[in-house]
Amino acid sequence: MVDLLSKLFTPRGALVAVIFIGLFTALYTAIIKFLFERKLTSLEDNHALELAKLQGQLAAGTQVLVQNLQAESNRGLKELEAELTRKTQSELQESQAALTEEQSKKQSRLDYEYEARKRLYHECEPLIFELLEFSENAGDRIRGLARTARQGNLPGWLSDGGYYMASTMYYLLAPVAVYKLMRRHLTVVDMTLDRNIATHYQLVKQLAWSFVDDFSFAWGLHVCALEYDPNNPEWRTLRLANAAKYWRQGLPYGRLDNAVESLIVRDPEPDGSLRIRSFGEFESALHKAGSVVDETFTIVRDVFSDFHPATRPVLWRILVAQAHIYASIVRFHSEHGANRNLVITPILATDRKRFYWEKAPSQADWQKMEEPFIVAEAYFRKNVPALWAA
């Protein structure tokens, strides 16, 4: 461009032209810059206005949204609070109702147990006192049978219907009458209220059942087994020659129940309290032909007729087992203190001689006289293991 100007103008004119062109360019550039900056400022102002407007709209929308959300939240919170209150009140009412019902049940249970204990002690304590006296008499009679045998008075003293027969039957069956009376008074709940009464009941129940367990005592326990066949069709003839095998030495439960039931009377008749006949009343009724006692004790009399431990070993095993129970009851009531425990324990070796029916037994006789104690232990371990304390 300078060369062009040099050709068209003089050097001085070219210089002036260049200067003019530079000034024009600078002016034009300044104008363009001014216009651009003005436009840019205008755009920025517009953008700022739009942005401010947008921010305002956004803020307003946000505030409205927040207000709406807050209102919705408050409404939902109130509904939730109302629902929660309703459920809480409902559950509280249900809980209170359940608690009231449970308290009512517990109170009813306590009231029942209190009344049951009162009734239990009122009705069963006198029976337990009677059982203690009967246990002393029965234990003495069982040892007395062995003593009478050693003295040579058996089977003679049991060969007729005299006093010794009557008293033997009475002393040995009267404890079973206590069992029947306790069974009438006790319930399943009563058995959980007083452990001692429950244990007395278990023991006297076992006394009753021992009379009907003659086959177990003979061979059913699989210890010291004996030949025993009282149901043989020819038993009437066979038992005369072999009483140990063919003479019935236990009582069918129905016959036992009938005999024991005849020992229980109402005093006064017909609506008085139940009680057990005294021995005097029993003996009078026993010797009265056709009386209920006479009839129901016919089979009992047959079981004990001409009894001797050597010739009726099954019955003797039953009686020795019963002697263990009687001894445990008497011992329990003779002890004192909270640690006493009503359990069946083995008869000590030093006391077993009182059950021997021979004065000077041979080794073979001694072994036979020891067998009832072995069988008794097996019997208790099988039937009342929780009450056997070896």
Protein backbone atom coordinates (compact mmCIF):
# COMPACT_ATOMS: atom_id res chain seq x y z
CA MET A 1 0.00 0.00 0.00
CA VAL A 2 2.89 2.35 0.77
CA ASP A 3 4.34 1.64 -2.70
CA LEU A 4 0.99 2.49 -4.20
CA LEU A 5 0.81 5.72 -2.31
CA SER A 6 4.38 6.53 -3.28
CA LYS A 7 3.43 6.26 -6.94
CA LEU A 8 0.26 8.31 -6.58
CA PHE A 9 1.45 10.98 -4.22
CA THR A 10 4.60 12.77 -3.45
CA PRO A 11 6.43 11.48 -0.43
CA ARG A 12 4.98 14.17 1.69
CA GLY A 13 1.51 13.56 0.29
CA ALA A 14 1.95 9.81 0.84
CA LEU A 15 2.93 10.42 4.45
CA VAL A 16 -0.12 12.54 4.97
CA ALA A 17 -2.30 9.92 3.33
CA VAL A 18 -0.85 7.20 5.56
CA ILE A 19 -1.42 9.29 8.62
CA PHE A 20 -4.96 10.00 7.53
CA ILE A 21 -5.66 6.37 6.85
CA GLY A 22 -4.25 5.39 10.29
CA LEU A 23 -6.36 7.99 12.00
CA PHE A 24 -9.41 6.82 10.09
CA THR A 25 -8.70 3.20 10.96
CA ALA A 26 -8.22 4.05 14.61
CA LEU A 27 -11.38 6.09 14.65
CA TYR A 28 -13.33 3.38 12.88
CA THR A 29 -11.98 0.74 15.26
CA ALA A 30 -12.86 2.90 18.24
CA ILE A 31 -16.37 3.41 16.92
CA ILE A 32 -16.78 -0.30 16.28
CA LYS A 33 -15.43 -1.12 19.74
CA PHE A 34 -17.72 1.47 21.28
CA LEU A 35 -20.73 0.11 19.47
CA PHE A 36 -19.78 -3.49 20.37
CA GLU A 37 -19.24 -2.67 23.98
CA ARG A 38 -22.49 -0.76 24.04
CA LYS A 39 -24.26 -3.67 22.43
CA LEU A 40 -22.57 -6.05 24.85
CA THR A 41 -23.55 -3.90 27.80
CA SER A 42 -27.08 -3.78 26.49
CA LEU A 43 -27.09 -7.54 26.12
CA GLU A 44 -25.66 -7.98 29.60
CA ASP A 45 -28.25 -5.64 31.02
CA ASN A 46 -31.00 -7.49 29.21
CA HIS A 47 -29.54 -10.82 30.36
CA ALA A 48 -29.35 -9.50 33.90
CA LEU A 49 -32.92 -8.36 33.70
CA GLU A 50 -34.03 -11.67 32.24
CA LEU A 51 -31.99 -13.51 34.84
CA ALA A 52 -33.40 -11.39 37.62
CA LYS A 53 -36.86 -11.87 36.22
CA LEU A 54 -36.27 -15.60 35.92
CA GLN A 55 -34.86 -15.73 39.41
CA GLY A 56 -37.85 -13.84 40.67
CA GLN A 57 -40.21 -16.19 38.91
CA LEU A 58 -38.21 -19.17 40.15
CA ALA A 59 -38.16 -17.82 43.69
CA ALA A 60 -41.89 -17.17 43.55
CA GLY A 61 -42.52 -20.61 42.08
CA THR A 62 -40.24 -22.18 44.62
CA GLN A 63 -41.99 -20.36 47.45
CA VAL A 64 -45.35 -21.46 46.15
CA LEU A 65 -44.05 -25.01 45.75
CA VAL A 66 -42.55 -24.96 49.22
CA GLN A 67 -45.78 -23.59 50.62
CA ASN A 68 -47.75 -26.26 48.78
CA LEU A 69 -45.36 -28.99 49.91
CA GLN A 70 -45.44 -27.67 53.45
CA ALA A 71 -49.22 -27.53 53.39
CA GLU A 72 -49.34 -31.06 51.94
CA SER A 73 -46.78 -32.21 54.46
CA ASN A 74 -48.71 -30.63 57.32
CA ARG A 75 -51.91 -32.21 56.06
CA GLY A 76 -50.21 -35.62 55.70
CA LEU A 77 -48.56 -35.19 59.09
CA LYS A 78 -51.88 -34.37 60.69
CA GLU A 79 -53.51 -37.35 58.99
CA LEU A 80 -50.62 -39.58 60.07
CA GLU A 81 -50.79 -38.17 63.57
CA ALA A 82 -54.52 -38.75 63.67
CA GLU A 83 -54.11 -42.32 62.36
CA LEU A 84 -51.29 -42.98 64.79
CA THR A 85 -53.35 -41.58 67.63
CA ARG A 86 -56.29 -43.74 66.61
CA LYS A 87 -54.13 -46.86 66.33
CA THR A 88 -52.35 -46.06 69.57
CA GLN A 89 -55.62 -45.56 71.39
CA SER A 90 -57.00 -48.72 69.85
CA GLU A 91 -53.92 -50.74 70.77
CA LEU A 92 -53.90 -49.17 74.21
CA GLN A 93 -57.51 -50.13 74.69
CA GLU A 94 -56.79 -53.65 73.46
CA SER A 95 -53.74 -53.86 75.73
CA GLN A 96 -55.73 -52.57 78.66
CA ALA A 97 -58.51 -55.01 77.91
CA ALA A 98 -56.00 -57.89 77.59
CA LEU A 99 -54.24 -56.78 80.77
CA THR A 100 -57.54 -56.52 82.59
CA GLU A 101 -58.52 -59.96 81.33
CA GLU A 102 -55.13 -61.41 82.30
CA GLN A 103 -55.33 -59.80 85.72
CA SER A 104 -58.83 -61.11 86.05
CA LYS A 105 -57.64 -64.59 85.11
CA LYS A 106 -54.73 -64.40 87.53
CA GLN A 107 -56.99 -63.14 90.27
CA SER A 108 -59.51 -65.86 89.50
CA ARG A 109 -56.68 -68.38 89.53
CA LEU A 110 -55.41 -67.05 92.85
CA ASP A 111 -58.92 -67.06 94.27
CA TYR A 112 -59.46 -70.61 93.00
CA GLU A 113 -56.12 -71.81 94.37
CA TYR A 114 -56.80 -70.14 97.70
CA GLU A 115 -60.20 -71.77 97.99
CA ALA A 116 -58.78 -75.03 96.64
CA ARG A 117 -56.03 -75.00 99.26
CA LYS A 118 -58.54 -74.33 102.00
CA ARG A 119 -60.70 -77.19 100.77
CA LEU A 120 -57.66 -79.37 100.22
CA TYR A 121 -56.36 -78.91 103.73
CA HIS A 122 -59.83 -79.17 105.22
CA GLU A 123 -60.64 -82.43 103.47
CA CYS A 124 -57.26 -84.12 103.02
CA GLU A 125 -55.33 -83.32 106.19
CA PRO A 126 -57.68 -85.45 108.33
CA LEU A 127 -57.33 -88.26 105.79
CA ILE A 128 -53.53 -88.02 105.92
CA PHE A 129 -53.72 -88.22 109.71
CA GLU A 130 -55.85 -91.36 109.36
CA LEU A 131 -53.39 -92.71 106.80
CA LEU A 132 -50.54 -92.22 109.28
CA GLU A 133 -52.37 -94.24 111.93
CA PHE A 134 -53.36 -96.92 109.44
CA SER A 135 -49.76 -97.05 108.18
CA GLU A 136 -48.49 -97.69 111.69
CA ASN A 137 -51.05 -100.45 112.20
CA ALA A 138 -50.52 -102.02 108.78
CA GLY A 139 -46.73 -101.97 109.10
CA ASP A 140 -46.99 -103.57 112.53
CA ARG A 141 -49.36 -106.23 111.21
CA ILE A 142 -47.07 -107.16 108.28
CA ARG A 143 -44.13 -107.54 110.65
CA GLY A 144 -46.52 -109.30 113.02
CA LEU A 145 -47.34 -111.88 110.34
CA ALA A 146 -43.65 -112.71 110.05
CA ARG A 147 -43.32 -112.86 113.84
CA THR A 148 -46.40 -115.05 114.14
CA ALA A 149 -44.96 -117.38 111.48
CA ARG A 150 -41.63 -117.58 113.38
CA GLN A 151 -43.57 -118.51 116.50
CA GLY A 152 -45.34 -121.29 114.60
CA ASN A 153 -48.81 -119.76 114.80
CA LEU A 154 -49.29 -119.49 111.04
CA PRO A 155 -51.26 -120.60 109.21
CA GLY A 156 -53.29 -121.50 112.30
CA TRP A 157 -54.26 -117.96 113.31
CA LEU A 158 -55.52 -117.32 109.78
CA SER A 159 -57.37 -120.58 109.31
CA ASP A 160 -60.69 -119.32 110.63
CA GLY A 161 -62.73 -116.14 110.72
CA GLY A 162 -61.60 -115.06 114.16
CA TYR A 163 -60.07 -111.80 115.39
CA TYR A 164 -56.67 -112.22 113.79
CA MET A 165 -58.20 -112.74 110.34
CA ALA A 166 -60.61 -109.81 110.76
CA SER A 167 -57.95 -107.42 112.07
CA THR A 168 -55.47 -108.44 109.36
CA MET A 169 -57.95 -107.74 106.57
CA TYR A 170 -59.01 -104.46 108.17
CA TYR A 171 -55.53 -103.11 108.85
CA LEU A 172 -54.30 -103.97 105.36
CA LEU A 173 -57.31 -102.64 103.43
CA ALA A 174 -58.19 -99.56 105.50
CA PRO A 175 -55.30 -97.55 103.93
CA VAL A 176 -56.81 -98.28 100.52
CA ALA A 177 -60.08 -96.77 101.77
CA VAL A 178 -58.10 -93.57 102.46
CA TYR A 179 -57.01 -93.68 98.82
CA LYS A 180 -60.63 -93.89 97.66
CA LEU A 181 -61.65 -90.93 99.80
CA MET A 182 -58.67 -88.84 98.66
CA ARG A 183 -59.46 -89.67 95.05
CA ARG A 184 -62.99 -88.34 95.52
CA HIS A 185 -61.74 -85.05 96.91
CA LEU A 186 -58.67 -84.35 94.77
CA THR A 187 -58.52 -82.79 91.31
CA VAL A 188 -55.66 -82.51 88.84
CA VAL A 189 -55.08 -78.91 89.93
CA ASP A 190 -55.06 -79.90 93.59
CA MET A 191 -52.17 -82.22 92.88
CA THR A 192 -50.04 -79.19 91.94
CA LEU A 193 -50.95 -77.10 94.98
CA ASP A 194 -49.32 -79.13 97.73
CA ARG A 195 -46.46 -81.51 96.98
CA ASN A 196 -46.75 -83.45 100.25
CA ILE A 197 -50.44 -84.17 99.81
CA ALA A 198 -49.82 -85.17 96.20
CA THR A 199 -47.04 -87.54 97.27
CA HIS A 200 -49.20 -89.08 99.98
CA TYR A 201 -51.82 -89.68 97.31
CA GLN A 202 -49.29 -91.31 94.98
CA LEU A 203 -48.08 -93.62 97.74
CA VAL A 204 -51.52 -94.69 98.91
CA LYS A 205 -52.53 -95.20 95.28
CA GLN A 206 -49.55 -97.51 94.86
CA LEU A 207 -50.68 -99.41 97.95
CA ALA A 208 -54.04 -100.04 96.30
CA TRP A 209 -52.53 -101.10 93.00
CA SER A 210 -50.06 -103.45 94.64
CA PHE A 211 -52.95 -105.70 95.69
CA VAL A 212 -53.89 -106.22 92.02
CA ASP A 213 -50.31 -106.61 90.75
CA ASP A 214 -49.88 -110.21 91.90
CA PHE A 215 -48.66 -111.34 88.46
CA SER A 216 -46.03 -108.61 88.39
CA PHE A 217 -44.78 -109.65 91.81
CA ALA A 218 -44.69 -113.28 90.69
CA TRP A 219 -42.86 -113.04 87.38
CA GLY A 220 -43.78 -109.83 85.59
CA LEU A 221 -40.79 -107.88 86.92
CA HIS A 222 -38.34 -110.50 85.58
CA VAL A 223 -36.54 -110.79 88.91
CA CYS A 224 -36.75 -113.81 91.20
CA ALA A 225 -39.56 -115.23 89.05
CA LEU A 226 -42.05 -117.67 90.59
CA GLU A 227 -44.45 -120.12 88.99
CA TYR A 228 -47.90 -118.64 89.46
CA ASP A 229 -51.09 -119.85 87.79
CA PRO A 230 -54.20 -119.03 89.86
CA ASN A 231 -56.37 -118.94 86.74
CA ASN A 232 -55.82 -122.61 85.98
CA PRO A 233 -59.21 -124.29 85.38
CA GLU A 234 -58.34 -126.85 88.07
CA TRP A 235 -57.16 -124.26 90.61
CA ARG A 236 -59.56 -125.40 93.36
CA THR A 237 -57.99 -128.84 93.45
CA LEU A 238 -54.43 -127.89 92.52
CA ARG A 239 -54.04 -125.19 95.17
CA LEU A 240 -54.58 -127.72 97.95
CA ALA A 241 -51.31 -129.42 96.99
CA ASN A 242 -49.42 -126.39 95.65
CA ALA A 243 -50.74 -123.16 97.17
CA ALA A 244 -47.66 -121.17 96.11
CA LYS A 245 -48.53 -121.67 92.44
CA TYR A 246 -52.29 -122.08 92.26
CA TRP A 247 -53.74 -120.12 95.21
CA ARG A 248 -54.80 -116.60 94.19
CA GLN A 249 -52.61 -114.19 96.12
CA GLY A 250 -53.88 -110.91 94.79
CA LEU A 251 -57.24 -109.23 94.32
CA PRO A 252 -58.95 -108.36 91.02
CA TYR A 253 -59.39 -104.60 91.01
CA GLY A 254 -63.19 -104.77 90.93
CA ARG A 255 -63.27 -107.12 93.94
CA LEU A 256 -60.80 -104.92 95.80
CA ASP A 257 -62.86 -101.83 95.00
CA ASN A 258 -66.06 -103.46 96.26
CA ALA A 259 -64.44 -104.58 99.49
CA VAL A 260 -62.86 -101.20 100.16
CA GLU A 261 -66.09 -99.40 99.30
CA SER A 262 -67.84 -101.39 102.03
CA LEU A 263 -65.39 -99.90 104.55
CA ILE A 264 -66.72 -96.41 103.78
CA VAL A 265 -69.96 -95.19 105.34
CA ARG A 266 -71.87 -91.93 105.64
CA ASP A 267 -72.20 -90.51 109.11
CA PRO A 268 -75.00 -89.84 109.70
CA GLU A 269 -76.93 -91.68 107.03
CA PRO A 270 -78.00 -90.91 104.38
CA ASP A 271 -76.44 -87.51 103.68
CA GLY A 272 -73.64 -87.23 106.20
CA SER A 273 -69.92 -87.03 105.59
CA LEU A 274 -68.03 -90.04 104.33
CA ARG A 275 -65.77 -91.81 106.79
CA ILE A 276 -64.02 -95.14 107.23
CA ARG A 277 -65.61 -97.70 109.49
CA SER A 278 -63.90 -98.29 112.80
CA PHE A 279 -62.55 -101.78 113.36
CA GLY A 280 -65.42 -102.54 115.73
CA GLU A 281 -67.98 -101.58 113.11
CA PHE A 282 -66.13 -103.59 110.49
CA GLU A 283 -65.87 -106.72 112.65
CA SER A 284 -69.56 -106.59 113.54
CA ALA A 285 -70.56 -106.22 109.89
CA LEU A 286 -68.08 -108.92 108.82
CA HIS A 287 -69.70 -111.47 111.11
CA LYS A 288 -73.21 -110.50 110.05
CA ALA A 289 -74.25 -112.97 107.39
CA GLY A 290 -75.46 -111.33 104.22
CA SER A 291 -74.07 -107.89 105.07
CA VAL A 292 -72.26 -105.94 102.35
CA VAL A 293 -69.01 -106.31 104.29
CA ASP A 294 -69.47 -110.06 104.66
CA GLU A 295 -70.18 -110.48 100.96
CA THR A 296 -67.49 -108.20 99.55
CA PHE A 297 -64.77 -109.54 101.87
CA THR A 298 -65.38 -113.16 100.88
CA ILE A 299 -62.58 -113.06 98.30
CA VAL A 300 -60.31 -111.10 100.65
CA ARG A 301 -60.83 -113.73 103.31
CA ASP A 302 -59.98 -116.41 100.76
CA VAL A 303 -56.71 -114.67 99.81
CA PHE A 304 -55.56 -114.55 103.45
CA SER A 305 -57.03 -117.89 104.54
CA ASP A 306 -54.29 -120.23 105.83
CA PHE A 307 -51.66 -117.69 104.86
CA HIS A 308 -47.97 -118.31 105.51
CA PRO A 309 -45.11 -116.37 103.84
CA ALA A 310 -43.49 -119.60 102.70
CA THR A 311 -46.60 -121.04 101.06
CA ARG A 312 -47.96 -117.74 99.67
CA PRO A 313 -44.74 -116.07 98.45
CA VAL A 314 -46.48 -113.77 95.95
CA LEU A 315 -48.77 -112.27 98.61
CA TRP A 316 -45.82 -111.93 100.96
CA ARG A 317 -43.91 -110.01 98.29
CA ILE A 318 -46.89 -107.66 97.98
CA LEU A 319 -47.00 -107.14 101.73
CA VAL A 320 -43.25 -106.51 102.01
CA ALA A 321 -43.50 -103.91 99.23
CA GLN A 322 -46.37 -102.29 101.12
CA ALA A 323 -44.26 -102.31 104.28
CA HIS A 324 -41.74 -100.07 102.46
CA ILE A 325 -44.49 -97.52 101.78
CA TYR A 326 -45.84 -97.65 105.32
CA ALA A 327 -42.34 -97.15 106.72
CA SER A 328 -41.76 -94.12 104.48
CA ILE A 329 -45.02 -92.48 105.62
CA VAL A 330 -44.34 -93.10 109.31
CA ARG A 331 -40.75 -91.89 108.96
CA PHE A 332 -41.82 -88.71 107.16
CA HIS A 333 -44.23 -87.73 109.94
CA SER A 334 -41.72 -88.51 112.66
CA GLU A 335 -39.10 -86.20 111.16
CA HIS A 336 -39.03 -82.45 111.56
CA GLY A 337 -37.61 -79.61 109.53
CA ALA A 338 -37.97 -78.24 106.03
CA ASN A 339 -35.55 -80.76 104.50
CA ARG A 340 -37.63 -83.85 105.15
CA ASN A 341 -38.65 -85.70 102.03
CA LEU A 342 -41.43 -88.21 101.49
CA VAL A 343 -39.78 -90.98 99.46
CA ILE A 344 -39.60 -94.75 99.57
CA THR A 345 -36.28 -96.08 100.79
CA PRO A 346 -35.02 -99.67 101.08
CA ILE A 347 -35.61 -101.36 104.40
CA LEU A 348 -32.25 -101.59 106.15
CA ALA A 349 -30.59 -104.97 106.41
CA THR A 350 -30.72 -104.71 110.20
CA ASP A 351 -34.52 -104.32 110.05
CA ARG A 352 -35.14 -107.03 107.47
CA LYS A 353 -34.85 -109.76 110.08
CA ARG A 354 -38.20 -108.59 111.41
CA PHE A 355 -39.70 -109.85 108.14
CA TYR A 356 -38.05 -113.31 108.25
CA TRP A 357 -40.46 -116.13 108.97
CA GLU A 358 -37.77 -118.59 110.10
CA LYS A 359 -35.97 -118.29 113.45
CA ALA A 360 -32.78 -119.94 112.25
CA PRO A 361 -32.95 -119.90 108.46
CA SER A 362 -30.70 -122.01 106.31
CA GLN A 363 -28.83 -120.38 103.47
CA ALA A 364 -31.56 -121.39 101.05
CA ASP A 365 -34.29 -120.06 103.36
CA TRP A 366 -32.35 -116.85 103.91
CA GLN A 367 -32.15 -116.30 100.17
CA LYS A 368 -35.90 -116.85 99.79
CA MET A 369 -36.61 -114.42 102.62
CA GLU A 370 -34.43 -111.79 100.92
CA GLU A 371 -36.20 -112.13 97.57
CA PRO A 372 -39.22 -109.96 98.55
CA PHE A 373 -36.89 -106.99 99.12
CA ILE A 374 -35.26 -107.45 95.71
CA VAL A 375 -38.67 -107.69 94.07
CA ALA A 376 -39.96 -104.64 95.98
CA GLU A 377 -37.07 -102.53 94.70
CA ALA A 378 -37.73 -103.64 91.11
CA TYR A 379 -41.43 -102.91 91.56
CA PHE A 380 -40.87 -99.36 92.81
CA ARG A 381 -38.21 -98.60 90.22
CA LYS A 382 -40.68 -99.56 87.53
CA ASN A 383 -43.87 -97.97 88.89
CA VAL A 384 -42.80 -94.96 90.96
CA PRO A 385 -39.16 -94.27 90.06
CA ALA A 386 -39.39 -90.64 91.18
CA LEU A 387 -40.37 -91.76 94.68
CA TRP A 388 -37.77 -94.48 95.06
CA ALA A 389 -34.62 -93.27 96.81
CA ALA A 390 -32.14 -96.11 97.03
